[in-house]
Amino acid sequence: MNTIRSVCVYCGSSPGRDEIYVKAGHLLGRSIAKAGLRLVYGGGTKGIMGAVAEGALKAGGKVTGIIPRFLINKEATETALDRLDELSITDNMHERKHKMFEKSDAFVALPGGIGTVEEIVEIMTWAQLGHHRKPIVFGNVNGFWDPMTALLDHMAAEGFIHTAQRVKPLVVNDPEAIVAAIMVAGSSVDAPTEGVQSVIDKM
């Protein structure tokens, strides 16, 4: 059983073309705060990233931002960062990702670009190697991650993922159901992923 105290959210620093993405970020941030969990995220104050933090802060939640120094003026503003109750400024992206991993009990990928994909894939890689058993969730807003999950299924079918039970992330379409899915997964860490997913699909 994993005790869930904090949730790391990976997502775009841009808003995307559909307003549903920013709305999803706000809803997830609020849900994390309402559950009494800490949000850990990349420190940006723009796009979906900013929406997640805003949702959590407006709901009275605790927020940890972790951002490389060179991205502060690109993805955030120093004034906005002052609102976070915990801020960590790193020297590079590698240090940022390591700190995010250490401070988080679960991981969620909302819509985003190449950086978001890279971050969540690294977390899945570490799970495959047995480095952690923390819940991993694709926030499948508007079917955004359908191509990604299809690719993972294809990799497994072709024999390139040999520990699929460790790698297969949970897929949750409703951003307001993500926190509940994480809590179910955290309390069912020894159960097959497929079994946890079936419970989540019934929510």
C-alpha atoms as a PDB file:
ATOM      1  CA  MET A   1       0.000   0.000   0.000  1.00  0.00           C
ATOM      2  CA  ASN A   2       1.288   3.429  -0.982  1.00  0.00           C
ATOM      3  CA  THR A   3       0.380   6.362   1.241  1.00  0.00           C
ATOM      4  CA  ILE A   4      -0.551   9.224  -1.080  1.00  0.00           C
ATOM      5  CA  ARG A   5       0.352  12.651   0.254  1.00  0.00           C
ATOM      6  CA  SER A   6       1.420  14.437  -2.912  1.00  0.00           C
ATOM      7  CA  VAL A   7       0.648  14.304  -6.613  1.00  0.00           C
ATOM      8  CA  CYS A   8       3.011  15.366  -9.381  1.00  0.00           C
ATOM      9  CA  VAL A   9       1.348  16.812 -12.472  1.00  0.00           C
ATOM     10  CA  TYR A  10       3.129  16.997 -15.813  1.00  0.00           C
ATOM     11  CA  CYS A  11       1.444  19.179 -18.434  1.00  0.00           C
ATOM     12  CA  GLY A  12       1.911  21.864 -21.041  1.00  0.00           C
ATOM     13  CA  SER A  13       3.149  25.353 -20.277  1.00  0.00           C
ATOM     14  CA  SER A  14       0.927  26.385 -23.198  1.00  0.00           C
ATOM     15  CA  PRO A  15      -2.885  26.368 -23.059  1.00  0.00           C
ATOM     16  CA  GLY A  16      -3.435  24.294 -26.196  1.00  0.00           C
ATOM     17  CA  ARG A  17      -6.054  25.063 -28.811  1.00  0.00           C
ATOM     18  CA  ASP A  18      -9.101  23.897 -26.863  1.00  0.00           C
ATOM     19  CA  GLU A  19     -10.142  25.664 -23.661  1.00  0.00           C
ATOM     20  CA  ILE A  20     -11.092  22.268 -22.214  1.00  0.00           C
ATOM     21  CA  TYR A  21      -7.405  21.636 -21.462  1.00  0.00           C
ATOM     22  CA  VAL A  22      -6.957  24.650 -19.206  1.00  0.00           C
ATOM     23  CA  LYS A  23     -10.281  23.891 -17.533  1.00  0.00           C
ATOM     24  CA  ALA A  24      -9.101  20.333 -16.862  1.00  0.00           C
ATOM     25  CA  GLY A  25      -5.922  21.658 -15.272  1.00  0.00           C
ATOM     26  CA  HIS A  26      -7.901  23.908 -12.962  1.00  0.00           C
ATOM     27  CA  LEU A  27     -10.268  21.085 -11.989  1.00  0.00           C
ATOM     28  CA  LEU A  28      -7.413  18.698 -11.236  1.00  0.00           C
ATOM     29  CA  GLY A  29      -5.575  21.273  -9.123  1.00  0.00           C
ATOM     30  CA  ARG A  30      -8.722  21.931  -7.142  1.00  0.00           C
ATOM     31  CA  SER A  31      -9.361  18.214  -6.661  1.00  0.00           C
ATOM     32  CA  ILE A  32      -5.838  17.668  -5.352  1.00  0.00           C
ATOM     33  CA  ALA A  33      -6.262  20.485  -2.842  1.00  0.00           C
ATOM     34  CA  LYS A  34      -9.739  19.361  -1.749  1.00  0.00           C
ATOM     35  CA  ALA A  35      -8.339  15.891  -1.029  1.00  0.00           C
ATOM     36  CA  GLY A  36      -5.750  17.415   1.285  1.00  0.00           C
ATOM     37  CA  LEU A  37      -2.885  16.448  -1.000  1.00  0.00           C
ATOM     38  CA  ARG A  38       0.087  18.547  -2.064  1.00  0.00           C
ATOM     39  CA  LEU A  39       0.519  19.490  -5.715  1.00  0.00           C
ATOM     40  CA  VAL A  40       4.043  19.061  -7.074  1.00  0.00           C
ATOM     41  CA  TYR A  41       4.550  20.574 -10.504  1.00  0.00           C
ATOM     42  CA  GLY A  42       7.038  22.253 -12.796  1.00  0.00           C
ATOM     43  CA  GLY A  43       6.636  25.744 -11.371  1.00  0.00           C
ATOM     44  CA  GLY A  44       5.229  27.403 -14.474  1.00  0.00           C
ATOM     45  CA  THR A  45       2.484  29.979 -14.157  1.00  0.00           C
ATOM     46  CA  LYS A  46       1.275  29.876 -17.761  1.00  0.00           C
ATOM     47  CA  GLY A  47      -0.850  27.505 -19.813  1.00  0.00           C
ATOM     48  CA  ILE A  48      -2.196  24.292 -18.317  1.00  0.00           C
ATOM     49  CA  MET A  49       0.635  24.300 -15.797  1.00  0.00           C
ATOM     50  CA  GLY A  50      -0.517  27.631 -14.430  1.00  0.00           C
ATOM     51  CA  ALA A  51      -4.130  26.449 -14.360  1.00  0.00           C
ATOM     52  CA  VAL A  52      -3.287  23.417 -12.208  1.00  0.00           C
ATOM     53  CA  ALA A  53      -1.456  25.598  -9.686  1.00  0.00           C
ATOM     54  CA  GLU A  54      -4.211  28.216  -9.712  1.00  0.00           C
ATOM     55  CA  GLY A  55      -6.871  25.580  -9.099  1.00  0.00           C
ATOM     56  CA  ALA A  56      -4.979  24.193  -6.123  1.00  0.00           C
ATOM     57  CA  LEU A  57      -4.150  27.576  -4.627  1.00  0.00           C
ATOM     58  CA  LYS A  58      -7.705  28.905  -4.936  1.00  0.00           C
ATOM     59  CA  ALA A  59      -8.932  25.803  -3.095  1.00  0.00           C
ATOM     60  CA  GLY A  60      -6.469  26.426  -0.263  1.00  0.00           C
ATOM     61  CA  GLY A  61      -4.056  23.705  -1.285  1.00  0.00           C
ATOM     62  CA  LYS A  62      -0.325  23.352  -0.768  1.00  0.00           C
ATOM     63  CA  VAL A  63       1.761  23.758  -3.913  1.00  0.00           C
ATOM     64  CA  THR A  64       5.395  22.911  -4.568  1.00  0.00           C
ATOM     65  CA  GLY A  65       6.880  24.395  -7.719  1.00  0.00           C
ATOM     66  CA  ILE A  66      10.180  23.067  -9.077  1.00  0.00           C
ATOM     67  CA  ILE A  67      11.656  25.052 -11.934  1.00  0.00           C
ATOM     68  CA  PRO A  68      15.088  25.430 -13.527  1.00  0.00           C
ATOM     69  CA  ARG A  69      16.530  28.913 -13.221  1.00  0.00           C
ATOM     70  CA  PHE A  70      16.713  29.389 -16.998  1.00  0.00           C
ATOM     71  CA  LEU A  71      12.964  28.801 -17.398  1.00  0.00           C
ATOM     72  CA  ILE A  72      11.729  31.281 -14.781  1.00  0.00           C
ATOM     73  CA  ASN A  73      11.201  34.149 -17.200  1.00  0.00           C
ATOM     74  CA  LYS A  74       9.957  31.853 -19.976  1.00  0.00           C
ATOM     75  CA  GLU A  75       7.354  29.730 -18.165  1.00  0.00           C
ATOM     76  CA  ALA A  76       6.625  31.879 -15.126  1.00  0.00           C
ATOM     77  CA  THR A  77       6.891  35.263 -13.482  1.00  0.00           C
ATOM     78  CA  GLU A  78       8.667  35.854 -10.198  1.00  0.00           C
ATOM     79  CA  THR A  79       5.600  37.632  -8.796  1.00  0.00           C
ATOM     80  CA  ALA A  80       3.373  34.628  -9.504  1.00  0.00           C
ATOM     81  CA  LEU A  81       5.944  32.231  -8.068  1.00  0.00           C
ATOM     82  CA  ASP A  82       5.796  34.137  -4.774  1.00  0.00           C
ATOM     83  CA  ARG A  83       2.280  32.729  -4.282  1.00  0.00           C
ATOM     84  CA  LEU A  84       3.562  29.164  -3.973  1.00  0.00           C
ATOM     85  CA  ASP A  85       4.161  27.949  -0.433  1.00  0.00           C
ATOM     86  CA  GLU A  86       7.230  26.011  -1.580  1.00  0.00           C
ATOM     87  CA  LEU A  87       9.527  26.864  -4.486  1.00  0.00           C
ATOM     88  CA  SER A  88      12.656  25.032  -5.553  1.00  0.00           C
ATOM     89  CA  ILE A  89      14.892  26.549  -8.237  1.00  0.00           C
ATOM     90  CA  THR A  90      17.192  24.006  -9.857  1.00  0.00           C
ATOM     91  CA  ASP A  91      20.269  24.377 -12.032  1.00  0.00           C
ATOM     92  CA  ASN A  92      18.986  22.143 -14.825  1.00  0.00           C
ATOM     93  CA  MET A  93      16.170  19.922 -16.070  1.00  0.00           C
ATOM     94  CA  HIS A  94      17.717  16.720 -14.734  1.00  0.00           C
ATOM     95  CA  GLU A  95      17.771  18.074 -11.188  1.00  0.00           C
ATOM     96  CA  ARG A  96      14.205  19.325 -11.590  1.00  0.00           C
ATOM     97  CA  LYS A  97      12.897  15.914 -12.647  1.00  0.00           C
ATOM     98  CA  HIS A  98      14.736  14.122  -9.848  1.00  0.00           C
ATOM     99  CA  LYS A  99      13.306  16.472  -7.213  1.00  0.00           C
ATOM    100  CA  MET A 100       9.801  16.123  -8.624  1.00  0.00           C
ATOM    101  CA  PHE A 101      10.119  12.350  -8.390  1.00  0.00           C
ATOM    102  CA  GLU A 102      11.411  12.439  -4.808  1.00  0.00           C
ATOM    103  CA  LYS A 103       8.634  14.732  -3.592  1.00  0.00           C
ATOM    104  CA  SER A 104       5.758  12.871  -5.267  1.00  0.00           C
ATOM    105  CA  ASP A 105       3.694   9.811  -4.383  1.00  0.00           C
ATOM    106  CA  ALA A 106       1.845   9.642  -7.723  1.00  0.00           C
ATOM    107  CA  PHE A 107       2.179  11.052 -11.226  1.00  0.00           C
ATOM    108  CA  VAL A 108      -0.359  12.479 -13.664  1.00  0.00           C
ATOM    109  CA  ALA A 109       0.158  13.511 -17.272  1.00  0.00           C
ATOM    110  CA  LEU A 110      -2.336  16.058 -18.542  1.00  0.00           C
ATOM    111  CA  PRO A 111      -2.155  17.231 -22.177  1.00  0.00           C
ATOM    112  CA  GLY A 112       1.175  18.731 -23.163  1.00  0.00           C
ATOM    113  CA  GLY A 113       3.994  18.556 -25.663  1.00  0.00           C
ATOM    114  CA  ILE A 114       7.302  16.770 -26.050  1.00  0.00           C
ATOM    115  CA  GLY A 115       8.490  17.733 -22.562  1.00  0.00           C
ATOM    116  CA  THR A 116       5.375  16.264 -20.958  1.00  0.00           C
ATOM    117  CA  VAL A 117       5.776  13.033 -22.914  1.00  0.00           C
ATOM    118  CA  GLU A 118       9.438  12.798 -21.959  1.00  0.00           C
ATOM    119  CA  GLU A 119       8.656  13.270 -18.269  1.00  0.00           C
ATOM    120  CA  ILE A 120       5.894  10.689 -17.997  1.00  0.00           C
ATOM    121  CA  VAL A 121       7.775   8.157 -20.145  1.00  0.00           C
ATOM    122  CA  GLU A 122      10.784   8.444 -17.841  1.00  0.00           C
ATOM    123  CA  ILE A 123       8.535   7.715 -14.847  1.00  0.00           C
ATOM    124  CA  MET A 124       7.161   4.655 -16.652  1.00  0.00           C
ATOM    125  CA  THR A 125      10.702   3.560 -17.488  1.00  0.00           C
ATOM    126  CA  TRP A 126      11.703   3.770 -13.837  1.00  0.00           C
ATOM    127  CA  ALA A 127       8.617   1.703 -12.936  1.00  0.00           C
ATOM    128  CA  GLN A 128       9.572  -0.910 -15.529  1.00  0.00           C
ATOM    129  CA  LEU A 129      13.025  -1.137 -13.972  1.00  0.00           C
ATOM    130  CA  GLY A 130      11.496  -1.635 -10.532  1.00  0.00           C
ATOM    131  CA  HIS A 131      12.632   1.700  -9.078  1.00  0.00           C
ATOM    132  CA  HIS A 132       9.150   2.615  -7.825  1.00  0.00           C
ATOM    133  CA  ARG A 133       5.547   1.439  -7.587  1.00  0.00           C
ATOM    134  CA  LYS A 134       3.854   4.824  -7.475  1.00  0.00           C
ATOM    135  CA  PRO A 135       0.577   5.255  -9.395  1.00  0.00           C
ATOM    136  CA  ILE A 136       0.880   6.689 -12.912  1.00  0.00           C
ATOM    137  CA  VAL A 137      -2.149   8.267 -14.595  1.00  0.00           C
ATOM    138  CA  PHE A 138      -2.856   9.640 -18.039  1.00  0.00           C
ATOM    139  CA  GLY A 139      -5.455  12.385 -17.685  1.00  0.00           C
ATOM    140  CA  ASN A 140      -7.059  11.570 -21.016  1.00  0.00           C
ATOM    141  CA  VAL A 141      -8.853  14.874 -21.536  1.00  0.00           C
ATOM    142  CA  ASN A 142     -10.824  14.847 -24.782  1.00  0.00           C
ATOM    143  CA  GLY A 143      -9.046  11.620 -25.789  1.00  0.00           C
ATOM    144  CA  PHE A 144      -5.713  13.452 -25.922  1.00  0.00           C
ATOM    145  CA  TRP A 145      -3.628  10.446 -24.853  1.00  0.00           C
ATOM    146  CA  ASP A 146      -5.401   7.832 -27.009  1.00  0.00           C
ATOM    147  CA  PRO A 147      -2.519   7.695 -29.539  1.00  0.00           C
ATOM    148  CA  MET A 148      -0.022   7.291 -26.695  1.00  0.00           C
ATOM    149  CA  THR A 149      -1.875   4.431 -25.032  1.00  0.00           C
ATOM    150  CA  ALA A 150      -2.317   2.770 -28.429  1.00  0.00           C
ATOM    151  CA  LEU A 151       1.458   3.007 -28.936  1.00  0.00           C
ATOM    152  CA  LEU A 152       2.110   1.419 -25.538  1.00  0.00           C
ATOM    153  CA  ASP A 153      -0.283  -1.429 -26.370  1.00  0.00           C
ATOM    154  CA  HIS A 154       1.490  -1.875 -29.709  1.00  0.00           C
ATOM    155  CA  MET A 155       4.912  -1.995 -28.023  1.00  0.00           C
ATOM    156  CA  ALA A 156       3.679  -4.645 -25.603  1.00  0.00           C
ATOM    157  CA  ALA A 157       2.025  -6.681 -28.368  1.00  0.00           C
ATOM    158  CA  GLU A 158       5.243  -6.623 -30.386  1.00  0.00           C
ATOM    159  CA  GLY A 159       7.245  -7.900 -27.428  1.00  0.00           C
ATOM    160  CA  PHE A 160       9.115  -4.758 -26.440  1.00  0.00           C
ATOM    161  CA  ILE A 161       7.531  -4.229 -23.020  1.00  0.00           C
ATOM    162  CA  HIS A 162       8.232  -7.304 -20.929  1.00  0.00           C
ATOM    163  CA  THR A 163       6.938  -5.996 -17.609  1.00  0.00           C
ATOM    164  CA  ALA A 164       3.666  -4.508 -18.810  1.00  0.00           C
ATOM    165  CA  GLN A 165       2.061  -4.799 -15.369  1.00  0.00           C
ATOM    166  CA  ARG A 166       4.616  -2.298 -14.048  1.00  0.00           C
ATOM    167  CA  VAL A 167       4.426   0.084 -16.986  1.00  0.00           C
ATOM    168  CA  LYS A 168       0.739   0.231 -17.888  1.00  0.00           C
ATOM    169  CA  PRO A 169      -0.572   3.553 -16.612  1.00  0.00           C
ATOM    170  CA  LEU A 170      -4.141   4.166 -15.540  1.00  0.00           C
ATOM    171  CA  VAL A 171      -6.243   6.102 -18.047  1.00  0.00           C
ATOM    172  CA  VAL A 172      -8.816   8.495 -16.612  1.00  0.00           C
ATOM    173  CA  ASN A 173     -10.961  10.646 -18.886  1.00  0.00           C
ATOM    174  CA  ASP A 174     -12.572  12.890 -16.264  1.00  0.00           C
ATOM    175  CA  PRO A 175     -10.084  15.255 -14.564  1.00  0.00           C
ATOM    176  CA  GLU A 176     -12.256  15.345 -11.452  1.00  0.00           C
ATOM    177  CA  ALA A 177     -11.964  11.536 -11.127  1.00  0.00           C
ATOM    178  CA  ILE A 178      -8.152  11.452 -11.245  1.00  0.00           C
ATOM    179  CA  VAL A 179      -7.533  11.917  -7.525  1.00  0.00           C
ATOM    180  CA  ALA A 180      -9.997   9.157  -6.621  1.00  0.00           C
ATOM    181  CA  ALA A 181      -8.274   6.881  -9.151  1.00  0.00           C
ATOM    182  CA  ILE A 182      -4.904   7.600  -7.552  1.00  0.00           C
ATOM    183  CA  MET A 183      -6.237   6.780  -4.094  1.00  0.00           C
ATOM    184  CA  VAL A 184      -7.677   3.470  -5.348  1.00  0.00           C
ATOM    185  CA  ALA A 185      -4.397   2.620  -7.042  1.00  0.00           C
ATOM    186  CA  GLY A 186      -2.385   3.594  -3.976  1.00  0.00           C
ATOM    187  CA  SER A 187      -4.417   1.293  -1.763  1.00  0.00           C
ATOM    188  CA  SER A 188      -4.267  -1.524  -4.327  1.00  0.00           C
ATOM    189  CA  VAL A 189      -0.576  -1.472  -5.124  1.00  0.00           C
ATOM    190  CA  ASP A 190      -0.353  -5.282  -5.108  1.00  0.00           C
ATOM    191  CA  ALA A 191      -3.366  -5.732  -7.380  1.00  0.00           C
ATOM    192  CA  PRO A 192      -2.964  -6.136 -11.164  1.00  0.00           C
ATOM    193  CA  THR A 193      -3.212  -2.820 -13.008  1.00  0.00           C
ATOM    194  CA  GLU A 194      -6.047  -4.168 -15.123  1.00  0.00           C
ATOM    195  CA  GLY A 195      -8.101  -4.789 -11.971  1.00  0.00           C
ATOM    196  CA  VAL A 196      -7.528  -1.290 -10.678  1.00  0.00           C
ATOM    197  CA  GLN A 197      -8.401   0.162 -14.092  1.00  0.00           C
ATOM    198  CA  SER A 198     -11.697  -1.726 -14.129  1.00  0.00           C
ATOM    199  CA  VAL A 199     -12.622  -0.227 -10.755  1.00  0.00           C
ATOM    200  CA  ILE A 200     -11.727   3.242 -12.019  1.00  0.00           C
ATOM    201  CA  ASP A 201     -13.764   2.781 -15.214  1.00  0.00           C
ATOM    202  CA  LYS A 202     -16.845   2.180 -13.040  1.00  0.00           C
ATOM    203  CA  MET A 203     -16.448   5.459 -11.119  1.00  0.00           C
END
